[in-house]
Amino acid sequence: EDRLGVGILFGPRYQYELGYRLIHFSNGYLAQVNQGINLH
């Protein structure tokens, strides 16, 4: 599971978070087939 993200922290202790993540599931060609899937 690979990911890249960006976002902001806010609140008096920076306890709240709002962000975007690109998550990629892949077997890294450890199997014969590796079509993978991405989530935004």
Full PDB file with SEQRES, HELIX, SHEET, SSBOND, CRYST1, ORIGX, SCALE, CONECT and MASTER records, all heavy atoms in Angstrom:
SEQRES   1 A   40  GLU ASP ARG LEU GLY VAL GLY ILE LEU PHE GLY PRO ARG          
SEQRES   2 A   40  TYR GLN TYR GLU LEU GLY TYR ARG LEU ILE HIS PHE SER          
SEQRES   3 A   40  ASN GLY TYR LEU ALA GLN VAL ASN GLN GLY ILE ASN LEU          
SEQRES   4 A   40  HIS                                                          
SHEET    1 AA1 3 ASP A   2  PHE A  10  0                                        
SHEET    2 AA1 3 TYR A  16  PHE A  25 -1                                        
SHEET    3 AA1 3 ILE A  37  LEU A  39 -1                                        
CRYST1    1.000    1.000    1.000  90.00  90.00  90.00 P 1           1          
ORIGX1      1.000000  0.000000  0.000000        0.00000                         
ORIGX2      0.000000  1.000000  0.000000        0.00000                         
ORIGX3      0.000000  0.000000  1.000000        0.00000                         
SCALE1      1.000000  0.000000  0.000000        0.00000                         
SCALE2      0.000000  1.000000  0.000000        0.00000                         
SCALE3      0.000000  0.000000  1.000000        0.00000                         
ATOM      1  N   GLU A   1       0.865  -1.175   0.000  1.00  0.00           N  
ATOM      2  CA  GLU A   1       0.000   0.000   0.000  1.00  0.00           C  
ATOM      3  C   GLU A   1       0.903   1.226   0.000  1.00  0.00           C  
ATOM      4  O   GLU A   1       1.562   1.519   0.992  1.00  0.00           O  
ATOM      5  CB  GLU A   1      -0.902   0.012   1.239  1.00  0.00           C  
ATOM      6  CG  GLU A   1      -1.789   1.233   1.288  1.00  0.00           C  
ATOM      7  CD  GLU A   1      -2.507   1.394   2.602  1.00  0.00           C  
ATOM      8  OE1 GLU A   1      -1.927   2.033   3.508  1.00  0.00           O  
ATOM      9  OE2 GLU A   1      -3.617   0.870   2.724  1.00  0.00           O  
ATOM     10  N   ASP A   2       0.967   1.924  -1.131  1.00  0.00           N  
ATOM     11  CA  ASP A   2       1.753   3.148  -1.245  1.00  0.00           C  
ATOM     12  C   ASP A   2       0.802   4.326  -1.152  1.00  0.00           C  
ATOM     13  O   ASP A   2      -0.351   4.223  -1.569  1.00  0.00           O  
ATOM     14  CB  ASP A   2       2.479   3.205  -2.590  1.00  0.00           C  
ATOM     15  CG  ASP A   2       3.291   1.960  -2.857  1.00  0.00           C  
ATOM     16  OD1 ASP A   2       3.920   1.459  -1.919  1.00  0.00           O  
ATOM     17  OD2 ASP A   2       3.276   1.487  -4.010  1.00  0.00           O  
ATOM     18  N   ARG A   3       1.297   5.448  -0.640  1.00  0.00           N  
ATOM     19  CA  ARG A   3       0.422   6.611  -0.534  1.00  0.00           C  
ATOM     20  C   ARG A   3       1.192   7.912  -0.643  1.00  0.00           C  
ATOM     21  O   ARG A   3       2.366   8.001  -0.281  1.00  0.00           O  
ATOM     22  CB  ARG A   3      -0.320   6.604   0.783  1.00  0.00           C  
ATOM     23  CG  ARG A   3       0.600   6.914   1.946  1.00  0.00           C  
ATOM     24  CD  ARG A   3      -0.102   7.103   3.233  1.00  0.00           C  
ATOM     25  NE  ARG A   3      -0.598   5.821   3.658  1.00  0.00           N  
ATOM     26  CZ  ARG A   3      -1.420   5.649   4.661  1.00  0.00           C  
ATOM     27  NH1 ARG A   3      -1.842   6.658   5.340  1.00  0.00           N  
ATOM     28  NH2 ARG A   3      -1.818   4.460   5.012  1.00  0.00           N  
ATOM     29  N   LEU A   4       0.501   8.903  -1.165  1.00  0.00           N  
ATOM     30  CA  LEU A   4       0.951  10.287  -1.160  1.00  0.00           C  
ATOM     31  C   LEU A   4      -0.220  11.103  -0.637  1.00  0.00           C  
ATOM     32  O   LEU A   4      -1.382  10.809  -0.951  1.00  0.00           O  
ATOM     33  CB  LEU A   4       1.328  10.763  -2.559  1.00  0.00           C  
ATOM     34  CG  LEU A   4       2.549  10.104  -3.182  1.00  0.00           C  
ATOM     35  CD1 LEU A   4       2.700  10.555  -4.629  1.00  0.00           C  
ATOM     36  CD2 LEU A   4       3.803  10.442  -2.392  1.00  0.00           C  
ATOM     37  N   GLY A   5       0.069  12.133   0.139  1.00  0.00           N  
ATOM     38  CA  GLY A   5      -1.020  12.929   0.689  1.00  0.00           C  
ATOM     39  C   GLY A   5      -0.611  14.360   0.925  1.00  0.00           C  
ATOM     40  O   GLY A   5       0.575  14.702   0.988  1.00  0.00           O  
ATOM     41  N   VAL A   6      -1.621  15.188   1.049  1.00  0.00           N  
ATOM     42  CA  VAL A   6      -1.436  16.599   1.362  1.00  0.00           C  
ATOM     43  C   VAL A   6      -2.649  17.016   2.194  1.00  0.00           C  
ATOM     44  O   VAL A   6      -3.740  16.470   2.028  1.00  0.00           O  
ATOM     45  CB  VAL A   6      -1.286  17.455   0.076  1.00  0.00           C  
ATOM     46  CG1 VAL A   6      -2.531  17.397  -0.788  1.00  0.00           C  
ATOM     47  CG2 VAL A   6      -0.918  18.874   0.406  1.00  0.00           C  
ATOM     48  N   GLY A   7      -2.443  17.959   3.109  1.00  0.00           N  
ATOM     49  CA  GLY A   7      -3.568  18.389   3.928  1.00  0.00           C  
ATOM     50  C   GLY A   7      -3.191  19.500   4.876  1.00  0.00           C  
ATOM     51  O   GLY A   7      -2.098  20.064   4.810  1.00  0.00           O  
ATOM     52  N   ILE A   8      -4.136  19.804   5.774  1.00  0.00           N  
ATOM     53  CA  ILE A   8      -3.909  20.828   6.779  1.00  0.00           C  
ATOM     54  C   ILE A   8      -4.271  20.280   8.155  1.00  0.00           C  
ATOM     55  O   ILE A   8      -5.142  19.426   8.289  1.00  0.00           O  
ATOM     56  CB  ILE A   8      -4.717  22.114   6.502  1.00  0.00           C  
ATOM     57  CG1 ILE A   8      -6.215  21.813   6.459  1.00  0.00           C  
ATOM     58  CG2 ILE A   8      -4.270  22.799   5.233  1.00  0.00           C  
ATOM     59  CD1 ILE A   8      -7.095  23.041   6.417  1.00  0.00           C  
ATOM     60  N   LEU A   9      -3.559  20.780   9.159  1.00  0.00           N  
ATOM     61  CA  LEU A   9      -3.871  20.522  10.566  1.00  0.00           C  
ATOM     62  C   LEU A   9      -4.372  21.829  11.150  1.00  0.00           C  
ATOM     63  O   LEU A   9      -3.826  22.899  10.858  1.00  0.00           O  
ATOM     64  CB  LEU A   9      -2.622  20.061  11.322  1.00  0.00           C  
ATOM     65  CG  LEU A   9      -2.024  18.737  10.874  1.00  0.00           C  
ATOM     66  CD1 LEU A   9      -0.654  18.542  11.497  1.00  0.00           C  
ATOM     67  CD2 LEU A   9      -2.941  17.592  11.249  1.00  0.00           C  
ATOM     68  N   PHE A  10      -5.419  21.758  11.962  1.00  0.00           N  
ATOM     69  CA  PHE A  10      -5.947  22.976  12.554  1.00  0.00           C  
ATOM     70  C   PHE A  10      -6.541  22.660  13.922  1.00  0.00           C  
ATOM     71  O   PHE A  10      -6.652  21.505  14.308  1.00  0.00           O  
ATOM     72  CB  PHE A  10      -6.974  23.648  11.633  1.00  0.00           C  
ATOM     73  CG  PHE A  10      -8.109  22.765  11.215  1.00  0.00           C  
ATOM     74  CD1 PHE A  10      -9.318  22.803  11.890  1.00  0.00           C  
ATOM     75  CD2 PHE A  10      -7.980  21.893  10.136  1.00  0.00           C  
ATOM     76  CE1 PHE A  10     -10.370  21.988  11.508  1.00  0.00           C  
ATOM     77  CE2 PHE A  10      -9.028  21.078   9.748  1.00  0.00           C  
ATOM     78  CZ  PHE A  10     -10.224  21.122  10.437  1.00  0.00           C  
ATOM     79  N   GLY A  11      -6.902  23.700  14.638  1.00  0.00           N  
ATOM     80  CA  GLY A  11      -7.391  23.572  16.006  1.00  0.00           C  
ATOM     81  C   GLY A  11      -6.333  24.077  16.963  1.00  0.00           C  
ATOM     82  O   GLY A  11      -5.176  24.277  16.585  1.00  0.00           O  
ATOM     83  N   PRO A  12      -6.690  24.281  18.237  1.00  0.00           N  
ATOM     84  CA  PRO A  12      -5.741  24.829  19.201  1.00  0.00           C  
ATOM     85  C   PRO A  12      -4.486  23.972  19.399  1.00  0.00           C  
ATOM     86  O   PRO A  12      -3.412  24.479  19.649  1.00  0.00           O  
ATOM     87  CB  PRO A  12      -6.530  24.914  20.508  1.00  0.00           C  
ATOM     88  CG  PRO A  12      -7.921  24.529  20.208  1.00  0.00           C  
ATOM     89  CD  PRO A  12      -8.003  24.062  18.806  1.00  0.00           C  
ATOM     90  N   ARG A  13      -4.615  22.658  19.291  1.00  0.00           N  
ATOM     91  CA  ARG A  13      -3.464  21.745  19.427  1.00  0.00           C  
ATOM     92  C   ARG A  13      -3.154  21.060  18.100  1.00  0.00           C  
ATOM     93  O   ARG A  13      -2.515  20.030  18.072  1.00  0.00           O  
ATOM     94  CB  ARG A  13      -3.759  20.684  20.492  1.00  0.00           C  
ATOM     95  CG  ARG A  13      -3.929  21.221  21.888  1.00  0.00           C  
ATOM     96  CD  ARG A  13      -4.244  20.114  22.894  1.00  0.00           C  
ATOM     97  NE  ARG A  13      -5.540  19.492  22.635  1.00  0.00           N  
ATOM     98  CZ  ARG A  13      -5.729  18.231  22.237  1.00  0.00           C  
ATOM     99  NH1 ARG A  13      -4.719  17.424  22.061  1.00  0.00           N  
ATOM    100  NH2 ARG A  13      -6.941  17.765  22.017  1.00  0.00           N  
ATOM    101  N   TYR A  14      -3.638  21.608  17.004  1.00  0.00           N  
ATOM    102  CA  TYR A  14      -3.519  20.982  15.682  1.00  0.00           C  
ATOM    103  C   TYR A  14      -4.057  19.558  15.720  1.00  0.00           C  
ATOM    104  O   TYR A  14      -3.492  18.648  15.137  1.00  0.00           O  
ATOM    105  CB  TYR A  14      -2.078  20.998  15.174  1.00  0.00           C  
ATOM    106  CG  TYR A  14      -1.545  22.389  14.986  1.00  0.00           C  
ATOM    107  CD1 TYR A  14      -0.539  22.882  15.785  1.00  0.00           C  
ATOM    108  CD2 TYR A  14      -2.075  23.214  13.999  1.00  0.00           C  
ATOM    109  CE1 TYR A  14      -0.061  24.170  15.612  1.00  0.00           C  
ATOM    110  CE2 TYR A  14      -1.607  24.506  13.821  1.00  0.00           C  
ATOM    111  CZ  TYR A  14      -0.598  24.974  14.632  1.00  0.00           C  
ATOM    112  OH  TYR A  14      -0.131  26.241  14.462  1.00  0.00           O  
ATOM    113  N   GLN A  15      -5.173  19.371  16.396  1.00  0.00           N  
ATOM    114  CA  GLN A  15      -5.728  18.033  16.565  1.00  0.00           C  
ATOM    115  C   GLN A  15      -6.667  17.624  15.426  1.00  0.00           C  
ATOM    116  O   GLN A  15      -6.973  16.450  15.286  1.00  0.00           O  
ATOM    117  CB  GLN A  15      -6.451  17.915  17.917  1.00  0.00           C  
ATOM    118  CG  GLN A  15      -7.764  18.645  18.013  1.00  0.00           C  
ATOM    119  CD  GLN A  15      -7.630  20.078  18.524  1.00  0.00           C  
ATOM    120  OE1 GLN A  15      -6.639  20.743  18.305  1.00  0.00           O  
ATOM    121  NE2 GLN A  15      -8.654  20.558  19.193  1.00  0.00           N  
ATOM    122  N   TYR A  16      -7.111  18.562  14.604  1.00  0.00           N  
ATOM    123  CA  TYR A  16      -8.000  18.228  13.486  1.00  0.00           C  
ATOM    124  C   TYR A  16      -7.200  18.192  12.194  1.00  0.00           C  
ATOM    125  O   TYR A  16      -6.267  18.970  11.997  1.00  0.00           O  
ATOM    126  CB  TYR A  16      -9.131  19.247  13.367  1.00  0.00           C  
ATOM    127  CG  TYR A  16      -9.950  19.362  14.612  1.00  0.00           C  
ATOM    128  CD1 TYR A  16      -9.863  20.488  15.420  1.00  0.00           C  
ATOM    129  CD2 TYR A  16     -10.800  18.335  15.000  1.00  0.00           C  
ATOM    130  CE1 TYR A  16     -10.603  20.600  16.574  1.00  0.00           C  
ATOM    131  CE2 TYR A  16     -11.548  18.437  16.162  1.00  0.00           C  
ATOM    132  CZ  TYR A  16     -11.447  19.572  16.944  1.00  0.00           C  
ATOM    133  OH  TYR A  16     -12.173  19.677  18.092  1.00  0.00           O  
ATOM    134  N   GLU A  17      -7.600  17.295  11.315  1.00  0.00           N  
ATOM    135  CA  GLU A  17      -6.867  17.105  10.067  1.00  0.00           C  
ATOM    136  C   GLU A  17      -7.860  16.974   8.905  1.00  0.00           C  
ATOM    137  O   GLU A  17      -8.856  16.258   9.001  1.00  0.00           O  
ATOM    138  CB  GLU A  17      -6.039  15.832  10.181  1.00  0.00           C  
ATOM    139  CG  GLU A  17      -5.259  15.462   8.975  1.00  0.00           C  
ATOM    140  CD  GLU A  17      -4.392  14.223   9.213  1.00  0.00           C  
ATOM    141  OE1 GLU A  17      -4.180  13.824  10.372  1.00  0.00           O  
ATOM    142  OE2 GLU A  17      -3.941  13.662   8.211  1.00  0.00           O  
ATOM    143  N   LEU A  18      -7.591  17.668   7.824  1.00  0.00           N  
ATOM    144  CA  LEU A  18      -8.363  17.552   6.586  1.00  0.00           C  
ATOM    145  C   LEU A  18      -7.364  17.372   5.463  1.00  0.00           C  
ATOM    146  O   LEU A  18      -6.449  18.188   5.306  1.00  0.00           O  
ATOM    147  CB  LEU A  18      -9.219  18.797   6.345  1.00  0.00           C  
ATOM    148  CG  LEU A  18      -9.961  18.870   5.013  1.00  0.00           C  
ATOM    149  CD1 LEU A  18     -10.989  17.735   4.907  1.00  0.00           C  
ATOM    150  CD2 LEU A  18     -10.632  20.220   4.846  1.00  0.00           C  
ATOM    151  N   GLY A  19      -7.503  16.283   4.689  1.00  0.00           N  
ATOM    152  CA  GLY A  19      -6.494  16.031   3.671  1.00  0.00           C  
ATOM    153  C   GLY A  19      -6.984  15.202   2.504  1.00  0.00           C  
ATOM    154  O   GLY A  19      -8.104  14.692   2.486  1.00  0.00           O  
ATOM    155  N   TYR A  20      -6.110  15.086   1.534  1.00  0.00           N  
ATOM    156  CA  TYR A  20      -6.319  14.259   0.335  1.00  0.00           C  
ATOM    157  C   TYR A  20      -5.231  13.189   0.333  1.00  0.00           C  
ATOM    158  O   TYR A  20      -4.070  13.474   0.641  1.00  0.00           O  
ATOM    159  CB  TYR A  20      -6.205  15.122  -0.924  1.00  0.00           C  
ATOM    160  CG  TYR A  20      -5.940  14.305  -2.165  1.00  0.00           C  
ATOM    161  CD1 TYR A  20      -6.971  13.644  -2.819  1.00  0.00           C  
ATOM    162  CD2 TYR A  20      -4.650  14.160  -2.661  1.00  0.00           C  
ATOM    163  CE1 TYR A  20      -6.718  12.870  -3.935  1.00  0.00           C  
ATOM    164  CE2 TYR A  20      -4.389  13.393  -3.784  1.00  0.00           C  
ATOM    165  CZ  TYR A  20      -5.429  12.753  -4.407  1.00  0.00           C  
ATOM    166  OH  TYR A  20      -5.177  11.979  -5.518  1.00  0.00           O  
ATOM    167  N   ARG A  21      -5.616  11.951  -0.040  1.00  0.00           N  
ATOM    168  CA  ARG A  21      -4.641  10.872  -0.181  1.00  0.00           C  
ATOM    169  C   ARG A  21      -4.853  10.137  -1.494  1.00  0.00           C  
ATOM    170  O   ARG A  21      -5.982   9.835  -1.866  1.00  0.00           O  
ATOM    171  CB  ARG A  21      -4.780   9.845   0.939  1.00  0.00           C  
ATOM    172  CG  ARG A  21      -4.232  10.289   2.239  1.00  0.00           C  
ATOM    173  CD  ARG A  21      -4.192   9.149   3.216  1.00  0.00           C  
ATOM    174  NE  ARG A  21      -3.950   9.667   4.547  1.00  0.00           N  
ATOM    175  CZ  ARG A  21      -4.350   9.074   5.647  1.00  0.00           C  
ATOM    176  NH1 ARG A  21      -4.997   7.929   5.590  1.00  0.00           N  
ATOM    177  NH2 ARG A  21      -4.100   9.607   6.807  1.00  0.00           N  
ATOM    178  N   LEU A  22      -3.752   9.846  -2.134  1.00  0.00           N  
ATOM    179  CA  LEU A  22      -3.740   8.910  -3.249  1.00  0.00           C  
ATOM    180  C   LEU A  22      -3.164   7.617  -2.686  1.00  0.00           C  
ATOM    181  O   LEU A  22      -2.018   7.590  -2.226  1.00  0.00           O  
ATOM    182  CB  LEU A  22      -2.866   9.420  -4.396  1.00  0.00           C  
ATOM    183  CG  LEU A  22      -2.564   8.402  -5.490  1.00  0.00           C  
ATOM    184  CD1 LEU A  22      -3.841   7.943  -6.191  1.00  0.00           C  
ATOM    185  CD2 LEU A  22      -1.573   8.960  -6.482  1.00  0.00           C  
ATOM    186  N   ILE A  23      -3.972   6.571  -2.689  1.00  0.00           N  
ATOM    187  CA  ILE A  23      -3.546   5.271  -2.163  1.00  0.00           C  
ATOM    188  C   ILE A  23      -3.479   4.290  -3.324  1.00  0.00           C  
ATOM    189  O   ILE A  23      -4.425   4.188  -4.114  1.00  0.00           O  
ATOM    190  CB  ILE A  23      -4.517   4.770  -1.074  1.00  0.00           C  
ATOM    191  CG1 ILE A  23      -4.541   5.764   0.082  1.00  0.00           C  
ATOM    192  CG2 ILE A  23      -4.103   3.384  -0.594  1.00  0.00           C  
ATOM    193  CD1 ILE A  23      -5.556   5.444   1.144  1.00  0.00           C  
ATOM    194  N   HIS A  24      -2.374   3.585  -3.431  1.00  0.00           N  
ATOM    195  CA  HIS A  24      -2.143   2.636  -4.527  1.00  0.00           C  
ATOM    196  C   HIS A  24      -1.882   1.256  -3.927  1.00  0.00           C  
ATOM    197  O   HIS A  24      -0.982   1.097  -3.105  1.00  0.00           O  
ATOM    198  CB  HIS A  24      -0.943   3.092  -5.354  1.00  0.00           C  
ATOM    199  CG  HIS A  24      -0.531   2.121  -6.411  1.00  0.00           C  
ATOM    200  ND1 HIS A  24      -1.268   1.903  -7.552  1.00  0.00           N  
ATOM    201  CD2 HIS A  24       0.551   1.317  -6.485  1.00  0.00           C  
ATOM    202  CE1 HIS A  24      -0.643   0.990  -8.288  1.00  0.00           C  
ATOM    203  NE2 HIS A  24       0.459   0.619  -7.669  1.00  0.00           N  
ATOM    204  N   PHE A  25      -2.685   0.278  -4.328  1.00  0.00           N  
ATOM    205  CA  PHE A  25      -2.480  -1.116  -3.938  1.00  0.00           C  
ATOM    206  C   PHE A  25      -1.852  -1.852  -5.105  1.00  0.00           C  
ATOM    207  O   PHE A  25      -2.369  -1.799  -6.224  1.00  0.00           O  
ATOM    208  CB  PHE A  25      -3.808  -1.788  -3.570  1.00  0.00           C  
ATOM    209  CG  PHE A  25      -4.428  -1.273  -2.316  1.00  0.00           C  
ATOM    210  CD1 PHE A  25      -5.485  -0.386  -2.360  1.00  0.00           C  
ATOM    211  CD2 PHE A  25      -3.965  -1.680  -1.074  1.00  0.00           C  
ATOM    212  CE1 PHE A  25      -6.078   0.089  -1.207  1.00  0.00           C  
ATOM    213  CE2 PHE A  25      -4.550  -1.214   0.093  1.00  0.00           C  
ATOM    214  CZ  PHE A  25      -5.605  -0.326   0.024  1.00  0.00           C  
ATOM    215  N   SER A  26      -0.737  -2.538  -4.867  1.00  0.00           N  
ATOM    216  CA  SER A  26      -0.019  -3.241  -5.922  1.00  0.00           C  
ATOM    217  C   SER A  26       0.818  -4.344  -5.298  1.00  0.00           C  
ATOM    218  O   SER A  26       1.244  -4.231  -4.157  1.00  0.00           O  
ATOM    219  CB  SER A  26       0.894  -2.256  -6.652  1.00  0.00           C  
ATOM    220  OG  SER A  26       1.808  -2.907  -7.483  1.00  0.00           O  
ATOM    221  N   ASN A  27       1.083  -5.405  -6.069  1.00  0.00           N  
ATOM    222  CA  ASN A  27       1.943  -6.461  -5.526  1.00  0.00           C  
ATOM    223  C   ASN A  27       3.407  -6.260  -5.928  1.00  0.00           C  
ATOM    224  O   ASN A  27       4.249  -7.097  -5.607  1.00  0.00           O  
ATOM    225  CB  ASN A  27       1.433  -7.854  -5.930  1.00  0.00           C  
ATOM    226  CG  ASN A  27       1.525  -8.136  -7.408  1.00  0.00           C  
ATOM    227  OD1 ASN A  27       2.499  -7.788  -8.063  1.00  0.00           O  
ATOM    228  ND2 ASN A  27       0.498  -8.773  -7.950  1.00  0.00           N  
ATOM    229  N   GLY A  28       3.728  -5.172  -6.599  1.00  0.00           N  
ATOM    230  CA  GLY A  28       5.121  -4.883  -6.947  1.00  0.00           C  
ATOM    231  C   GLY A  28       5.731  -5.930  -7.865  1.00  0.00           C  
ATOM    232  O   GLY A  28       6.923  -6.172  -7.811  1.00  0.00           O  
ATOM    233  N   TYR A  29       4.916  -6.567  -8.688  1.00  0.00           N  
ATOM    234  CA  TYR A  29       5.338  -7.625  -9.609  1.00  0.00           C  
ATOM    235  C   TYR A  29       5.944  -8.820  -8.891  1.00  0.00           C  
ATOM    236  O   TYR A  29       6.810  -9.505  -9.414  1.00  0.00           O  
ATOM    237  CB  TYR A  29       6.273  -7.079 -10.685  1.00  0.00           C  
ATOM    238  CG  TYR A  29       5.562  -6.157 -11.631  1.00  0.00           C  
ATOM    239  CD1 TYR A  29       5.672  -4.774 -11.491  1.00  0.00           C  
ATOM    240  CD2 TYR A  29       4.733  -6.650 -12.623  1.00  0.00           C  
ATOM    241  CE1 TYR A  29       4.998  -3.916 -12.334  1.00  0.00           C  
ATOM    242  CE2 TYR A  29       4.051  -5.793 -13.464  1.00  0.00           C  
ATOM    243  CZ  TYR A  29       4.187  -4.432 -13.322  1.00  0.00           C  
ATOM    244  OH  TYR A  29       3.494  -3.594 -14.143  1.00  0.00           O  
ATOM    245  N   LEU A  30       5.460  -9.084  -7.674  1.00  0.00           N  
ATOM    246  CA  LEU A  30       5.852 -10.306  -6.989  1.00  0.00           C  
ATOM    247  C   LEU A  30       4.980 -11.481  -7.422  1.00  0.00           C  
ATOM    248  O   LEU A  30       5.277 -12.624  -7.115  1.00  0.00           O  
ATOM    249  CB  LEU A  30       5.761 -10.122  -5.466  1.00  0.00           C  
ATOM    250  CG  LEU A  30       6.722  -9.083  -4.895  1.00  0.00           C  
ATOM    251  CD1 LEU A  30       6.487  -8.913  -3.410  1.00  0.00           C  
ATOM    252  CD2 LEU A  30       8.162  -9.454  -5.184  1.00  0.00           C  
ATOM    253  N   ALA A  31       3.893 -11.195  -8.127  1.00  0.00           N  
ATOM    254  CA  ALA A  31       3.035 -12.218  -8.724  1.00  0.00           C  
ATOM    255  C   ALA A  31       3.092 -12.040 -10.241  1.00  0.00           C  
ATOM    256  O   ALA A  31       3.594 -11.037 -10.747  1.00  0.00           O  
ATOM    257  CB  ALA A  31       1.595 -12.065  -8.228  1.00  0.00           C  
ATOM    258  N   GLN A  32       2.573 -13.006 -10.978  1.00  0.00           N  
ATOM    259  CA  GLN A  32       2.622 -12.932 -12.442  1.00  0.00           C  
ATOM    260  C   GLN A  32       1.777 -11.793 -12.989  1.00  0.00           C  
ATOM    261  O   GLN A  32       2.100 -11.213 -14.011  1.00  0.00           O  
ATOM    262  CB  GLN A  32       2.180 -14.257 -13.049  1.00  0.00           C  
ATOM    263  CG  GLN A  32       3.190 -15.361 -12.850  1.00  0.00           C  
ATOM    264  CD  GLN A  32       2.771 -16.634 -13.554  1.00  0.00           C  
ATOM    265  OE1 GLN A  32       1.657 -16.785 -14.006  1.00  0.00           O  
ATOM    266  NE2 GLN A  32       3.707 -17.567 -13.636  1.00  0.00           N  
ATOM    267  N   VAL A  33       0.665 -11.489 -12.323  1.00  0.00           N  
ATOM    268  CA  VAL A  33      -0.218 -10.411 -12.749  1.00  0.00           C  
ATOM    269  C   VAL A  33      -0.161  -9.307 -11.706  1.00  0.00           C  
ATOM    270  O   VAL A  33      -0.155  -9.569 -10.508  1.00  0.00           O  
ATOM    271  CB  VAL A  33      -1.675 -10.928 -12.893  1.00  0.00           C  
ATOM    272  CG1 VAL A  33      -2.603  -9.808 -13.291  1.00  0.00           C  
ATOM    273  CG2 VAL A  33      -1.731 -12.066 -13.893  1.00  0.00           C  
ATOM    274  N   ASN A  34      -0.117  -8.033 -12.162  1.00  0.00           N  
ATOM    275  CA  ASN A  34      -0.048  -6.900 -11.241  1.00  0.00           C  
ATOM    276  C   ASN A  34      -0.803  -5.717 -11.822  1.00  0.00           C  
ATOM    277  O   ASN A  34      -0.208  -4.754 -12.263  1.00  0.00           O  
ATOM    278  CB  ASN A  34       1.406  -6.519 -10.961  1.00  0.00           C  
ATOM    279  CG  ASN A  34       1.514  -5.388  -9.969  1.00  0.00           C  
ATOM    280  OD1 ASN A  34       0.688  -5.248  -9.084  1.00  0.00           O  
ATOM    281  ND2 ASN A  34       2.533  -4.573 -10.127  1.00  0.00           N  
ATOM    282  N   GLN A  35      -2.139  -5.788 -11.824  1.00  0.00           N  
ATOM    283  CA  GLN A  35      -2.902  -4.683 -12.389  1.00  0.00           C  
ATOM    284  C   GLN A  35      -3.065  -3.530 -11.403  1.00  0.00           C  
ATOM    285  O   GLN A  35      -3.205  -2.401 -11.809  1.00  0.00           O  
ATOM    286  CB  GLN A  35      -4.260  -5.176 -12.888  1.00  0.00           C  
ATOM    287  CG  GLN A  35      -4.106  -6.085 -14.087  1.00  0.00           C  
ATOM    288  CD  GLN A  35      -5.429  -6.518 -14.673  1.00  0.00           C  
ATOM    289  OE1 GLN A  35      -6.446  -6.554 -13.996  1.00  0.00           O  
ATOM    290  NE2 GLN A  35      -5.399  -6.846 -15.952  1.00  0.00           N  
ATOM    291  N   GLY A  36      -3.056  -3.792 -10.117  1.00  0.00           N  
ATOM    292  CA  GLY A  36      -3.119  -2.736  -9.112  1.00  0.00           C  
ATOM    293  C   GLY A  36      -4.416  -1.950  -9.138  1.00  0.00           C  
ATOM    294  O   GLY A  36      -5.243  -2.096 -10.037  1.00  0.00           O  
ATOM    295  N   ILE A  37      -4.586  -1.111  -8.130  1.00  0.00           N  
ATOM    296  CA  ILE A  37      -5.771  -0.263  -8.040  1.00  0.00           C  
ATOM    297  C   ILE A  37      -5.409   0.998  -7.270  1.00  0.00           C  
ATOM    298  O   ILE A  37      -4.611   0.958  -6.332  1.00  0.00           O  
ATOM    299  CB  ILE A  37      -6.952  -1.017  -7.390  1.00  0.00           C  
ATOM    300  CG1 ILE A  37      -8.233  -0.259  -7.597  1.00  0.00           C  
ATOM    301  CG2 ILE A  37      -6.692  -1.313  -5.934  1.00  0.00           C  
ATOM    302  CD1 ILE A  37      -9.464  -1.118  -7.418  1.00  0.00           C  
ATOM    303  N   ASN A  38      -5.963   2.129  -7.682  1.00  0.00           N  
ATOM    304  CA  ASN A  38      -5.727   3.416  -7.035  1.00  0.00           C  
ATOM    305  C   ASN A  38      -7.011   3.921  -6.406  1.00  0.00           C  
ATOM    306  O   ASN A  38      -8.101   3.699  -6.928  1.00  0.00           O  
ATOM    307  CB  ASN A  38      -5.264   4.460  -8.054  1.00  0.00           C  
ATOM    308  CG  ASN A  38      -3.939   4.106  -8.672  1.00  0.00           C  
ATOM    309  OD1 ASN A  38      -3.057   3.591  -8.004  1.00  0.00           O  
ATOM    310  ND2 ASN A  38      -3.805   4.371  -9.957  1.00  0.00           N  
ATOM    311  N   LEU A  39      -6.874   4.663  -5.308  1.00  0.00           N  
ATOM    312  CA  LEU A  39      -8.000   5.336  -4.668  1.00  0.00           C  
ATOM    313  C   LEU A  39      -7.617   6.785  -4.407  1.00  0.00           C  
ATOM    314  O   LEU A  39      -6.527   7.061  -3.894  1.00  0.00           O  
ATOM    315  CB  LEU A  39      -8.358   4.677  -3.334  1.00  0.00           C  
ATOM    316  CG  LEU A  39      -8.927   3.276  -3.378  1.00  0.00           C  
ATOM    317  CD1 LEU A  39      -9.046   2.708  -1.969  1.00  0.00           C  
ATOM    318  CD2 LEU A  39     -10.291   3.275  -4.052  1.00  0.00           C  
ATOM    319  N   HIS A  40      -8.495   7.707  -4.748  1.00  0.00           N  
ATOM    320  CA  HIS A  40      -8.351   9.125  -4.435  1.00  0.00           C  
ATOM    321  C   HIS A  40      -9.330   9.400  -3.302  1.00  0.00           C  
ATOM    322  O   HIS A  40     -10.537   9.262  -3.490  1.00  0.00           O  
ATOM    323  CB  HIS A  40      -8.691   9.998  -5.637  1.00  0.00           C  
ATOM    324  CG  HIS A  40      -7.833   9.701  -6.826  1.00  0.00           C  
ATOM    325  ND1 HIS A  40      -6.615  10.316  -7.010  1.00  0.00           N  
ATOM    326  CD2 HIS A  40      -7.999   8.863  -7.869  1.00  0.00           C  
ATOM    327  CE1 HIS A  40      -6.083   9.862  -8.132  1.00  0.00           C  
ATOM    328  NE2 HIS A  40      -6.891   8.971  -8.660  1.00  0.00           N  
TER     329      HIS A  40                                                      
MASTER        0    0    0    0    3    0    0    6  328    1    0    4          
END                                                                             
